[in-house]
Amino acid sequence: MIRHAGSPPKRSRPQEESLQMDDIRNRDLSGIPDEDLSPAEKRELQRRFNEFLTAIGGTLKKAKPKKKAVKWDPAVHGRKH
C-alpha cells in the first residue's frame, strides 16, 4: 500500500479491532511475567479475573484475622462448682 505524504494513517476497521480483541481474549497469558505484559494484556487479565469472580458468585475480600490463642489457666478457665 502506498501512502501519500498528506494522507492520515489508515485506521483499523471495527471488524479488525474485533479480531484483535478475539486474539487477546483467546491468548494464553499465563507464561508472561507481569512486567512484560502490555496494557491491553493487563486489562484482559483483569477482565478474566472479574469474570471468574462473577462466575463463582464471590468477591475478593481480605481474610479476617484469626483470634489470638489464650493460654489455658485452670484458676480462670477451670470447672465451675
Protein backbone atom coordinates (compact mmCIF):
# COMPACT_ATOMS: atom_id res chain seq x y z
CA MET A 1 0.00 0.00 0.00
CA ILE A 2 1.36 3.41 -0.98
CA ARG A 3 0.70 6.23 1.40
CA HIS A 4 0.79 9.80 0.15
CA ALA A 5 2.59 12.46 2.16
CA GLY A 6 -0.54 14.32 3.32
CA SER A 7 -2.83 11.37 3.97
CA PRO A 8 -3.59 10.29 7.53
CA PRO A 9 -2.61 6.79 8.63
CA LYS A 10 -5.19 4.13 7.89
CA ARG A 11 -7.27 3.20 10.93
CA SER A 12 -8.35 -0.33 11.55
CA ARG A 13 -11.94 -1.20 10.87
CA PRO A 14 -14.25 -2.31 13.68
CA GLN A 15 -14.06 -5.86 12.31
CA GLU A 16 -10.28 -5.79 12.52
CA GLU A 17 -10.41 -4.40 16.06
CA SER A 18 -12.83 -7.18 16.96
CA LEU A 19 -10.43 -9.76 15.54
CA GLN A 20 -7.57 -8.23 17.50
CA MET A 21 -9.67 -8.38 20.67
CA ASP A 22 -10.61 -12.01 19.95
CA ASP A 23 -6.93 -12.74 19.56
CA ILE A 24 -6.09 -11.36 23.02
CA ARG A 25 -9.19 -12.97 24.55
CA ASN A 26 -8.02 -16.39 23.38
CA ARG A 27 -4.31 -15.96 24.01
CA ASP A 28 -2.58 -17.78 26.89
CA LEU A 29 -1.11 -15.00 29.03
CA SER A 30 -0.14 -17.22 31.96
CA GLY A 31 3.51 -17.62 30.98
CA ILE A 32 4.25 -13.92 30.55
CA PRO A 33 5.81 -12.08 33.52
CA ASP A 34 3.72 -9.15 34.78
CA GLU A 35 6.35 -6.57 33.83
CA ASP A 36 6.32 -7.83 30.22
CA LEU A 37 2.53 -7.54 29.76
CA SER A 38 1.20 -4.76 27.56
CA PRO A 39 -1.55 -2.50 28.96
CA ALA A 40 -4.09 -4.33 26.77
CA GLU A 41 -2.94 -7.70 28.15
CA LYS A 42 -3.18 -6.41 31.72
CA ARG A 43 -6.75 -5.21 31.05
CA GLU A 44 -7.59 -8.61 29.59
CA LEU A 45 -6.25 -10.41 32.68
CA GLN A 46 -8.29 -8.10 34.91
CA ARG A 47 -11.39 -8.77 32.78
CA ARG A 48 -10.83 -12.53 33.07
CA PHE A 49 -10.39 -12.27 36.83
CA ASN A 50 -13.59 -10.23 37.22
CA GLU A 51 -15.44 -12.73 35.02
CA PHE A 52 -14.17 -15.54 37.26
CA LEU A 53 -15.36 -13.77 40.41
CA THR A 54 -18.78 -13.26 38.85
CA ALA A 55 -18.96 -16.93 37.86
CA ILE A 56 -18.26 -18.14 41.40
CA GLY A 57 -20.53 -15.51 42.91
CA GLY A 58 -17.84 -14.06 45.09
CA THR A 59 -15.78 -11.01 45.63
CA LEU A 60 -12.22 -10.54 46.69
CA LYS A 61 -12.30 -9.97 50.44
CA LYS A 62 -9.50 -9.79 52.92
CA ALA A 63 -9.39 -12.69 55.34
CA LYS A 64 -10.47 -11.91 58.88
CA PRO A 65 -7.63 -12.12 61.36
CA LYS A 66 -7.72 -15.26 63.47
CA LYS A 67 -8.41 -14.95 67.16
CA LYS A 68 -5.36 -14.98 69.31
CA ALA A 69 -4.95 -18.20 71.31
CA VAL A 70 -5.33 -17.75 75.05
CA LYS A 71 -3.23 -19.85 77.34
CA TRP A 72 -5.42 -22.13 79.44
CA ASP A 73 -5.30 -21.32 83.14
CA PRO A 74 -7.13 -23.73 85.44
CA ALA A 75 -7.78 -20.99 88.00
CA VAL A 76 -9.59 -18.87 85.41
CA HIS A 77 -10.89 -21.46 82.96
CA GLY A 78 -11.46 -24.45 85.29
CA ARG A 79 -14.78 -26.09 86.10
CA LYS A 80 -17.28 -24.10 87.97
CA HIS A 81 -18.60 -25.93 91.06
